[in-house]
Amino acid sequence: MKLKGEKSLSWLKNKTVIGVACIVLALLVCFLITPLYNRRLDSKTDVVVLAEDVRKGEQITNKMVKEIEAGSYHLKDGYVTTVSEAVGKYANTDLYKDEYILKNRIQDIPLSKDTYLDNLNGEKGAISITMQSLAAGLSGKLVEGDIISVITTNDENTSIPDELKYVKVLACTLSDGEDVDVNAKDEKEKEDKESTTAETITLLADKYQAKKLASLEANEKIHVELVYRGDQKNSDKFLKQQDKIIKEMKEDTDEQ
């Protein structure tokens, strides 16, 4: 059995060990961990920033970029670190002055003018129809992304085919083959009706819809009605509804 004095001495020894451990830990923090952390905060790296705005598809030149020194602590991988990595590349999205350039926002080859065609996956394709008059094409007001209904007229009736109730506009194209640029900065070009009124519109369509559109183009008059313009999620709801209609039409055909 331990005496009272021995218990007291043991307790003091434990306190001494704990105290020494705390001192050692404090010294490690002060003289090892803190300097390493501060050195990391103070470390610098070269990054490339934009000296001016660069539009999507534009080729980057020397005057558009500059190299600066920035703190590396908060920088993630993927930033362009030398001017030579950026010059000659093409912006695949709009870039803005003083923005750090990310490698995934530039590319080696020029962007296709018809980028909407690059997203076709084989399930749906692109088909163009002619706007036979200014009114037939919504007076030139259609833009990429609009959801439209295709209205057909002949000597006997006017109708909206079930398979063409909700169709997405991929592009509106001028007589010279150039797509209408709704983001054009030249106000004179915007005001010039002859230069900005589309003669054809390109639509996203499956084979079922494409055959119907080709037949209508050859044999009937076509008008379009704007159904929706706006949020992508809402646009997709219309397209899903159209897919459902076409699926039901195919099932009815198979049963006959």
C-alpha atoms as a PDB file:
ATOM      1  CA  MET A   1       0.000   0.000   0.000  1.00  0.00           C
ATOM      2  CA  LYS A   2       1.373   3.410  -1.098  1.00  0.00           C
ATOM      3  CA  LEU A   3       1.810   6.144   1.426  1.00  0.00           C
ATOM      4  CA  LYS A   4       0.166   9.546   1.023  1.00  0.00           C
ATOM      5  CA  GLY A   5       3.506  11.209   0.321  1.00  0.00           C
ATOM      6  CA  GLU A   6       4.338   8.745  -2.447  1.00  0.00           C
ATOM      7  CA  LYS A   7       1.001   9.448  -4.179  1.00  0.00           C
ATOM      8  CA  SER A   8       1.690  13.170  -4.075  1.00  0.00           C
ATOM      9  CA  LEU A   9       5.164  12.673  -5.568  1.00  0.00           C
ATOM     10  CA  SER A  10       3.744  10.523  -8.404  1.00  0.00           C
ATOM     11  CA  TRP A  11       1.224  13.209  -9.231  1.00  0.00           C
ATOM     12  CA  LEU A  12       3.941  15.847  -9.394  1.00  0.00           C
ATOM     13  CA  LYS A  13       5.992  13.662 -11.739  1.00  0.00           C
ATOM     14  CA  ASN A  14       2.985  13.283 -14.090  1.00  0.00           C
ATOM     15  CA  LYS A  15       2.465  17.037 -14.129  1.00  0.00           C
ATOM     16  CA  THR A  16       6.130  17.530 -14.927  1.00  0.00           C
ATOM     17  CA  VAL A  17       5.958  15.119 -17.877  1.00  0.00           C
ATOM     18  CA  ILE A  18       2.854  16.852 -19.220  1.00  0.00           C
ATOM     19  CA  GLY A  19       4.490  20.248 -18.819  1.00  0.00           C
ATOM     20  CA  VAL A  20       7.631  19.168 -20.648  1.00  0.00           C
ATOM     21  CA  ALA A  21       5.525  17.673 -23.452  1.00  0.00           C
ATOM     22  CA  CYS A  22       3.611  20.955 -23.835  1.00  0.00           C
ATOM     23  CA  ILE A  23       6.847  22.926 -23.980  1.00  0.00           C
ATOM     24  CA  VAL A  24       8.278  20.605 -26.652  1.00  0.00           C
ATOM     25  CA  LEU A  25       5.057  20.855 -28.664  1.00  0.00           C
ATOM     26  CA  ALA A  26       5.081  24.651 -28.411  1.00  0.00           C
ATOM     27  CA  LEU A  27       8.686  24.748 -29.590  1.00  0.00           C
ATOM     28  CA  LEU A  28       7.826  22.536 -32.581  1.00  0.00           C
ATOM     29  CA  VAL A  29       4.937  24.828 -33.534  1.00  0.00           C
ATOM     30  CA  CYS A  30       7.012  27.997 -33.132  1.00  0.00           C
ATOM     31  CA  PHE A  31      10.215  26.913 -34.800  1.00  0.00           C
ATOM     32  CA  LEU A  32       9.122  24.256 -37.320  1.00  0.00           C
ATOM     33  CA  ILE A  33       5.453  24.209 -38.269  1.00  0.00           C
ATOM     34  CA  THR A  34       4.833  27.982 -38.266  1.00  0.00           C
ATOM     35  CA  PRO A  35       7.883  28.825 -40.430  1.00  0.00           C
ATOM     36  CA  LEU A  36       6.921  26.105 -42.925  1.00  0.00           C
ATOM     37  CA  TYR A  37       3.361  27.437 -43.104  1.00  0.00           C
ATOM     38  CA  ASN A  38       4.551  31.029 -43.531  1.00  0.00           C
ATOM     39  CA  ARG A  39       7.006  29.954 -46.216  1.00  0.00           C
ATOM     40  CA  ARG A  40       4.145  28.248 -48.048  1.00  0.00           C
ATOM     41  CA  LEU A  41       2.035  31.405 -47.802  1.00  0.00           C
ATOM     42  CA  ASP A  42       4.888  33.554 -49.080  1.00  0.00           C
ATOM     43  CA  SER A  43       5.768  31.282 -52.007  1.00  0.00           C
ATOM     44  CA  LYS A  44       5.228  32.801 -55.432  1.00  0.00           C
ATOM     45  CA  THR A  45       4.635  31.424 -58.916  1.00  0.00           C
ATOM     46  CA  ASP A  46       4.230  32.876 -62.390  1.00  0.00           C
ATOM     47  CA  VAL A  47       0.728  32.927 -63.877  1.00  0.00           C
ATOM     48  CA  VAL A  48      -0.637  34.347 -67.108  1.00  0.00           C
ATOM     49  CA  VAL A  49      -3.445  36.907 -66.981  1.00  0.00           C
ATOM     50  CA  LEU A  50      -5.377  38.672 -69.701  1.00  0.00           C
ATOM     51  CA  ALA A  51      -4.474  42.234 -70.602  1.00  0.00           C
ATOM     52  CA  GLU A  52      -7.800  42.671 -72.420  1.00  0.00           C
ATOM     53  CA  ASP A  53     -11.096  40.879 -73.055  1.00  0.00           C
ATOM     54  CA  VAL A  54     -10.968  37.930 -75.454  1.00  0.00           C
ATOM     55  CA  ARG A  55     -14.101  36.693 -77.197  1.00  0.00           C
ATOM     56  CA  LYS A  56     -14.939  33.036 -77.622  1.00  0.00           C
ATOM     57  CA  GLY A  57     -13.196  31.630 -80.703  1.00  0.00           C
ATOM     58  CA  GLU A  58     -10.637  34.456 -80.865  1.00  0.00           C
ATOM     59  CA  GLN A  59      -6.954  33.587 -81.243  1.00  0.00           C
ATOM     60  CA  ILE A  60      -4.770  34.802 -78.372  1.00  0.00           C
ATOM     61  CA  THR A  61      -1.869  37.101 -79.287  1.00  0.00           C
ATOM     62  CA  ASN A  62       1.089  38.464 -77.302  1.00  0.00           C
ATOM     63  CA  LYS A  63      -0.591  41.791 -76.615  1.00  0.00           C
ATOM     64  CA  MET A  64      -3.606  40.066 -75.039  1.00  0.00           C
ATOM     65  CA  VAL A  65      -1.691  38.393 -72.209  1.00  0.00           C
ATOM     66  CA  LYS A  66       0.956  39.142 -69.613  1.00  0.00           C
ATOM     67  CA  GLU A  67       2.907  37.172 -67.036  1.00  0.00           C
ATOM     68  CA  ILE A  68       2.665  38.169 -63.380  1.00  0.00           C
ATOM     69  CA  GLU A  69       3.872  36.785 -60.064  1.00  0.00           C
ATOM     70  CA  ALA A  70       1.146  35.559 -57.723  1.00  0.00           C
ATOM     71  CA  GLY A  71       0.925  33.704 -54.433  1.00  0.00           C
ATOM     72  CA  SER A  72       0.884  29.989 -55.117  1.00  0.00           C
ATOM     73  CA  TYR A  73      -0.843  28.875 -51.897  1.00  0.00           C
ATOM     74  CA  HIS A  74      -4.412  29.288 -53.128  1.00  0.00           C
ATOM     75  CA  LEU A  75      -3.686  28.505 -56.779  1.00  0.00           C
ATOM     76  CA  LYS A  76      -4.988  25.179 -58.017  1.00  0.00           C
ATOM     77  CA  ASP A  77      -3.433  23.109 -60.764  1.00  0.00           C
ATOM     78  CA  GLY A  78      -4.495  23.944 -64.288  1.00  0.00           C
ATOM     79  CA  TYR A  79      -3.446  27.572 -64.611  1.00  0.00           C
ATOM     80  CA  VAL A  80      -1.318  28.691 -67.556  1.00  0.00           C
ATOM     81  CA  THR A  81       2.082  29.727 -66.171  1.00  0.00           C
ATOM     82  CA  THR A  82       3.949  30.978 -69.269  1.00  0.00           C
ATOM     83  CA  VAL A  83       2.905  33.310 -72.073  1.00  0.00           C
ATOM     84  CA  SER A  84       4.088  30.809 -74.675  1.00  0.00           C
ATOM     85  CA  GLU A  85       1.458  28.333 -73.435  1.00  0.00           C
ATOM     86  CA  ALA A  86      -1.324  30.788 -74.287  1.00  0.00           C
ATOM     87  CA  VAL A  87      -0.178  32.645 -77.409  1.00  0.00           C
ATOM     88  CA  GLY A  88      -1.555  31.099 -80.587  1.00  0.00           C
ATOM     89  CA  LYS A  89      -4.294  29.187 -78.756  1.00  0.00           C
ATOM     90  CA  TYR A  90      -8.023  29.825 -79.168  1.00  0.00           C
ATOM     91  CA  ALA A  91     -10.443  30.802 -76.410  1.00  0.00           C
ATOM     92  CA  ASN A  92     -13.230  28.236 -76.085  1.00  0.00           C
ATOM     93  CA  THR A  93     -15.261  30.632 -73.952  1.00  0.00           C
ATOM     94  CA  ASP A  94     -15.376  34.385 -73.354  1.00  0.00           C
ATOM     95  CA  LEU A  95     -12.373  35.522 -71.289  1.00  0.00           C
ATOM     96  CA  TYR A  96     -12.058  38.824 -69.454  1.00  0.00           C
ATOM     97  CA  LYS A  97      -9.335  41.322 -68.604  1.00  0.00           C
ATOM     98  CA  ASP A  98      -7.244  40.496 -65.473  1.00  0.00           C
ATOM     99  CA  GLU A  99      -8.576  36.927 -65.416  1.00  0.00           C
ATOM    100  CA  TYR A 100      -6.083  34.114 -64.777  1.00  0.00           C
ATOM    101  CA  ILE A 101      -6.103  31.765 -67.779  1.00  0.00           C
ATOM    102  CA  LEU A 102      -7.046  28.150 -67.116  1.00  0.00           C
ATOM    103  CA  LYS A 103      -5.691  25.502 -69.480  1.00  0.00           C
ATOM    104  CA  ASN A 104      -9.152  24.046 -70.066  1.00  0.00           C
ATOM    105  CA  ARG A 105     -10.425  27.411 -71.358  1.00  0.00           C
ATOM    106  CA  ILE A 106      -8.114  27.513 -74.359  1.00  0.00           C
ATOM    107  CA  GLN A 107      -7.435  25.021 -77.145  1.00  0.00           C
ATOM    108  CA  ASP A 108      -4.990  24.387 -79.983  1.00  0.00           C
ATOM    109  CA  ILE A 109      -7.433  24.340 -82.902  1.00  0.00           C
ATOM    110  CA  PRO A 110      -9.915  27.026 -83.991  1.00  0.00           C
ATOM    111  CA  LEU A 111     -13.494  26.650 -82.837  1.00  0.00           C
ATOM    112  CA  SER A 112     -15.934  25.496 -85.438  1.00  0.00           C
ATOM    113  CA  LYS A 113     -18.359  28.235 -86.424  1.00  0.00           C
ATOM    114  CA  ASP A 114     -21.117  25.666 -86.195  1.00  0.00           C
ATOM    115  CA  THR A 115     -20.397  24.550 -82.635  1.00  0.00           C
ATOM    116  CA  TYR A 116     -23.985  23.383 -82.212  1.00  0.00           C
ATOM    117  CA  LEU A 117     -23.249  20.622 -84.734  1.00  0.00           C
ATOM    118  CA  ASP A 118     -20.381  19.335 -82.602  1.00  0.00           C
ATOM    119  CA  ASN A 119     -22.841  18.282 -79.890  1.00  0.00           C
ATOM    120  CA  LEU A 120     -24.908  15.897 -82.019  1.00  0.00           C
ATOM    121  CA  ASN A 121     -24.806  12.411 -80.504  1.00  0.00           C
ATOM    122  CA  GLY A 122     -26.382  10.255 -83.216  1.00  0.00           C
ATOM    123  CA  GLU A 123     -29.804  10.053 -81.591  1.00  0.00           C
ATOM    124  CA  LYS A 124     -30.848  13.360 -83.125  1.00  0.00           C
ATOM    125  CA  GLY A 125     -29.529  15.276 -86.097  1.00  0.00           C
ATOM    126  CA  ALA A 126     -29.786  18.721 -87.651  1.00  0.00           C
ATOM    127  CA  ILE A 127     -32.036  19.659 -90.557  1.00  0.00           C
ATOM    128  CA  SER A 128     -32.734  23.047 -92.149  1.00  0.00           C
ATOM    129  CA  ILE A 129     -36.017  24.384 -93.477  1.00  0.00           C
ATOM    130  CA  THR A 130     -36.614  27.445 -95.639  1.00  0.00           C
ATOM    131  CA  MET A 131     -38.516  30.438 -94.330  1.00  0.00           C
ATOM    132  CA  GLN A 132     -40.754  31.236 -97.273  1.00  0.00           C
ATOM    133  CA  SER A 133     -41.554  34.740 -96.042  1.00  0.00           C
ATOM    134  CA  LEU A 134     -40.559  37.174 -93.313  1.00  0.00           C
ATOM    135  CA  ALA A 135     -43.730  36.398 -91.371  1.00  0.00           C
ATOM    136  CA  ALA A 136     -43.239  32.646 -91.698  1.00  0.00           C
ATOM    137  CA  GLY A 137     -40.009  32.902 -89.704  1.00  0.00           C
ATOM    138  CA  LEU A 138     -41.400  35.077 -86.900  1.00  0.00           C
ATOM    139  CA  SER A 139     -40.233  38.244 -88.647  1.00  0.00           C
ATOM    140  CA  GLY A 140     -36.581  37.341 -88.150  1.00  0.00           C
ATOM    141  CA  LYS A 141     -36.889  37.241 -84.355  1.00  0.00           C
ATOM    142  CA  LEU A 142     -35.928  33.590 -83.819  1.00  0.00           C
ATOM    143  CA  VAL A 143     -32.635  32.830 -82.071  1.00  0.00           C
ATOM    144  CA  GLU A 144     -30.610  29.765 -81.198  1.00  0.00           C
ATOM    145  CA  GLY A 145     -32.188  27.776 -78.359  1.00  0.00           C
ATOM    146  CA  ASP A 146     -35.794  28.803 -79.033  1.00  0.00           C
ATOM    147  CA  ILE A 147     -38.474  26.122 -78.801  1.00  0.00           C
ATOM    148  CA  ILE A 148     -40.925  26.370 -81.693  1.00  0.00           C
ATOM    149  CA  SER A 149     -43.959  24.621 -83.154  1.00  0.00           C
ATOM    150  CA  VAL A 150     -43.993  23.977 -86.905  1.00  0.00           C
ATOM    151  CA  ILE A 151     -47.284  24.917 -88.557  1.00  0.00           C
ATOM    152  CA  THR A 152     -48.113  23.534 -92.001  1.00  0.00           C
ATOM    153  CA  THR A 153     -50.633  24.880 -94.471  1.00  0.00           C
ATOM    154  CA  ASN A 154     -51.998  23.600 -97.766  1.00  0.00           C
ATOM    155  CA  ASP A 155     -55.124  24.130 -99.828  1.00  0.00           C
ATOM    156  CA  GLU A 156     -57.190  21.974 -97.491  1.00  0.00           C
ATOM    157  CA  ASN A 157     -56.119  22.690 -93.912  1.00  0.00           C
ATOM    158  CA  THR A 158     -53.663  24.165 -91.436  1.00  0.00           C
ATOM    159  CA  SER A 159     -52.210  22.064 -88.639  1.00  0.00           C
ATOM    160  CA  ILE A 160     -49.342  21.422 -86.252  1.00  0.00           C
ATOM    161  CA  PRO A 161     -48.060  17.863 -86.775  1.00  0.00           C
ATOM    162  CA  ASP A 162     -47.827  15.982 -83.484  1.00  0.00           C
ATOM    163  CA  GLU A 163     -44.150  15.194 -84.063  1.00  0.00           C
ATOM    164  CA  LEU A 164     -43.345  18.902 -84.551  1.00  0.00           C
ATOM    165  CA  LYS A 165     -45.051  20.491 -81.543  1.00  0.00           C
ATOM    166  CA  TYR A 166     -41.826  21.273 -79.701  1.00  0.00           C
ATOM    167  CA  VAL A 167     -38.654  21.601 -81.761  1.00  0.00           C
ATOM    168  CA  LYS A 168     -35.393  23.283 -80.797  1.00  0.00           C
ATOM    169  CA  VAL A 169     -33.786  25.926 -83.015  1.00  0.00           C
ATOM    170  CA  LEU A 170     -30.063  25.288 -83.492  1.00  0.00           C
ATOM    171  CA  ALA A 171     -29.348  28.240 -85.778  1.00  0.00           C
ATOM    172  CA  CYS A 172     -30.850  30.910 -88.006  1.00  0.00           C
ATOM    173  CA  THR A 173     -28.898  31.330 -91.233  1.00  0.00           C
ATOM    174  CA  LEU A 174     -28.594  34.160 -93.759  1.00  0.00           C
ATOM    175  CA  SER A 175     -28.686  33.736 -97.528  1.00  0.00           C
ATOM    176  CA  ASP A 176     -24.864  33.694 -97.672  1.00  0.00           C
ATOM    177  CA  GLY A 177     -24.669  30.727 -95.297  1.00  0.00           C
ATOM    178  CA  GLU A 178     -23.564  32.745 -92.272  1.00  0.00           C
ATOM    179  CA  ASP A 179     -25.494  32.241 -89.042  1.00  0.00           C
ATOM    180  CA  VAL A 180     -27.201  35.237 -87.469  1.00  0.00           C
ATOM    181  CA  ASP A 181     -25.048  36.492 -84.586  1.00  0.00           C
ATOM    182  CA  VAL A 182     -27.376  37.695 -81.837  1.00  0.00           C
ATOM    183  CA  ASN A 183     -24.365  38.955 -79.888  1.00  0.00           C
ATOM    184  CA  ALA A 184     -23.074  41.140 -82.706  1.00  0.00           C
ATOM    185  CA  LYS A 185     -21.676  44.396 -81.353  1.00  0.00           C
ATOM    186  CA  ASP A 186     -22.143  46.339 -84.573  1.00  0.00           C
ATOM    187  CA  GLU A 187     -25.434  48.178 -84.091  1.00  0.00           C
ATOM    188  CA  LYS A 188     -25.598  49.050 -87.780  1.00  0.00           C
ATOM    189  CA  GLU A 189     -25.539  45.375 -88.629  1.00  0.00           C
ATOM    190  CA  LYS A 190     -28.359  44.762 -86.181  1.00  0.00           C
ATOM    191  CA  GLU A 191     -30.429  47.507 -87.769  1.00  0.00           C
ATOM    192  CA  ASP A 192     -29.821  46.264 -91.321  1.00  0.00           C
ATOM    193  CA  LYS A 193     -32.763  43.929 -91.906  1.00  0.00           C
ATOM    194  CA  GLU A 194     -31.350  42.556 -95.134  1.00  0.00           C
ATOM    195  CA  SER A 195     -28.194  41.353 -93.388  1.00  0.00           C
ATOM    196  CA  THR A 196     -29.779  39.853 -90.275  1.00  0.00           C
ATOM    197  CA  THR A 197     -33.033  38.263 -91.437  1.00  0.00           C
ATOM    198  CA  ALA A 198     -32.639  34.497 -91.622  1.00  0.00           C
ATOM    199  CA  GLU A 199     -33.663  32.644 -94.764  1.00  0.00           C
ATOM    200  CA  THR A 200     -33.379  29.199 -93.206  1.00  0.00           C
ATOM    201  CA  ILE A 201     -33.545  27.803 -89.702  1.00  0.00           C
ATOM    202  CA  THR A 202     -31.722  24.687 -88.563  1.00  0.00           C
ATOM    203  CA  LEU A 203     -33.616  22.439 -86.172  1.00  0.00           C
ATOM    204  CA  LEU A 204     -32.706  19.585 -83.839  1.00  0.00           C
ATOM    205  CA  ALA A 205     -34.672  16.550 -85.016  1.00  0.00           C
ATOM    206  CA  ASP A 206     -34.744  12.776 -84.803  1.00  0.00           C
ATOM    207  CA  LYS A 207     -35.233  10.694 -87.962  1.00  0.00           C
ATOM    208  CA  TYR A 208     -39.015  10.715 -87.516  1.00  0.00           C
ATOM    209  CA  GLN A 209     -39.130  14.505 -87.370  1.00  0.00           C
ATOM    210  CA  ALA A 210     -36.526  14.955 -90.116  1.00  0.00           C
ATOM    211  CA  LYS A 211     -38.568  12.919 -92.616  1.00  0.00           C
ATOM    212  CA  LYS A 212     -41.671  14.957 -91.800  1.00  0.00           C
ATOM    213  CA  LEU A 213     -39.811  18.261 -92.178  1.00  0.00           C
ATOM    214  CA  ALA A 214     -38.308  17.207 -95.511  1.00  0.00           C
ATOM    215  CA  SER A 215     -41.769  16.289 -96.800  1.00  0.00           C
ATOM    216  CA  LEU A 216     -43.259  19.582 -95.621  1.00  0.00           C
ATOM    217  CA  GLU A 217     -40.385  21.554 -97.163  1.00  0.00           C
ATOM    218  CA  ALA A 218     -41.090  19.964-100.542  1.00  0.00           C
ATOM    219  CA  ASN A 219     -44.876  19.914-100.542  1.00  0.00           C
ATOM    220  CA  GLU A 220     -46.409  22.461 -98.166  1.00  0.00           C
ATOM    221  CA  LYS A 221     -46.041  25.930 -96.710  1.00  0.00           C
ATOM    222  CA  ILE A 222     -44.363  26.231 -93.336  1.00  0.00           C
ATOM    223  CA  HIS A 223     -44.787  28.778 -90.558  1.00  0.00           C
ATOM    224  CA  VAL A 224     -43.219  28.644 -87.123  1.00  0.00           C
ATOM    225  CA  GLU A 225     -44.657  29.632 -83.763  1.00  0.00           C
ATOM    226  CA  LEU A 226     -42.418  30.577 -80.849  1.00  0.00           C
ATOM    227  CA  VAL A 227     -43.388  28.417 -77.875  1.00  0.00           C
ATOM    228  CA  TYR A 228     -40.636  29.145 -75.362  1.00  0.00           C
ATOM    229  CA  ARG A 229     -37.429  31.132 -74.962  1.00  0.00           C
ATOM    230  CA  GLY A 230     -35.437  31.092 -71.768  1.00  0.00           C
ATOM    231  CA  ASP A 231     -33.985  28.717 -69.208  1.00  0.00           C
ATOM    232  CA  GLN A 232     -32.319  25.568 -70.561  1.00  0.00           C
ATOM    233  CA  LYS A 233     -34.024  23.341 -67.986  1.00  0.00           C
ATOM    234  CA  ASN A 234     -37.460  24.530 -69.051  1.00  0.00           C
ATOM    235  CA  SER A 235     -36.526  24.104 -72.714  1.00  0.00           C
ATOM    236  CA  ASP A 236     -35.537  20.512 -72.003  1.00  0.00           C
ATOM    237  CA  LYS A 237     -38.971  19.876 -70.480  1.00  0.00           C
ATOM    238  CA  PHE A 238     -40.605  20.741 -73.806  1.00  0.00           C
ATOM    239  CA  LEU A 239     -38.191  18.491 -75.697  1.00  0.00           C
ATOM    240  CA  LYS A 240     -38.839  15.595 -73.306  1.00  0.00           C
ATOM    241  CA  GLN A 241     -42.567  16.067 -73.838  1.00  0.00           C
ATOM    242  CA  GLN A 242     -41.997  15.924 -77.599  1.00  0.00           C
ATOM    243  CA  ASP A 243     -39.920  12.747 -77.242  1.00  0.00           C
ATOM    244  CA  LYS A 244     -42.788  11.187 -75.290  1.00  0.00           C
ATOM    245  CA  ILE A 245     -45.270  12.107 -78.033  1.00  0.00           C
ATOM    246  CA  ILE A 246     -43.064  10.582 -80.734  1.00  0.00           C
ATOM    247  CA  LYS A 247     -42.578   7.410 -78.675  1.00  0.00           C
ATOM    248  CA  GLU A 248     -46.350   7.023 -78.373  1.00  0.00           C
ATOM    249  CA  MET A 249     -46.764   7.623 -82.118  1.00  0.00           C
ATOM    250  CA  LYS A 250     -44.211   4.907 -82.894  1.00  0.00           C
ATOM    251  CA  GLU A 251     -45.937   2.470 -80.521  1.00  0.00           C
ATOM    252  CA  ASP A 252     -49.292   3.145 -82.199  1.00  0.00           C
ATOM    253  CA  THR A 253     -47.710   2.543 -85.619  1.00  0.00           C
ATOM    254  CA  ASP A 254     -46.170  -0.759 -84.471  1.00  0.00           C
ATOM    255  CA  GLU A 255     -49.538  -1.984 -83.190  1.00  0.00           C
ATOM    256  CA  GLN A 256     -51.247  -1.380 -86.534  1.00  0.00           C
END
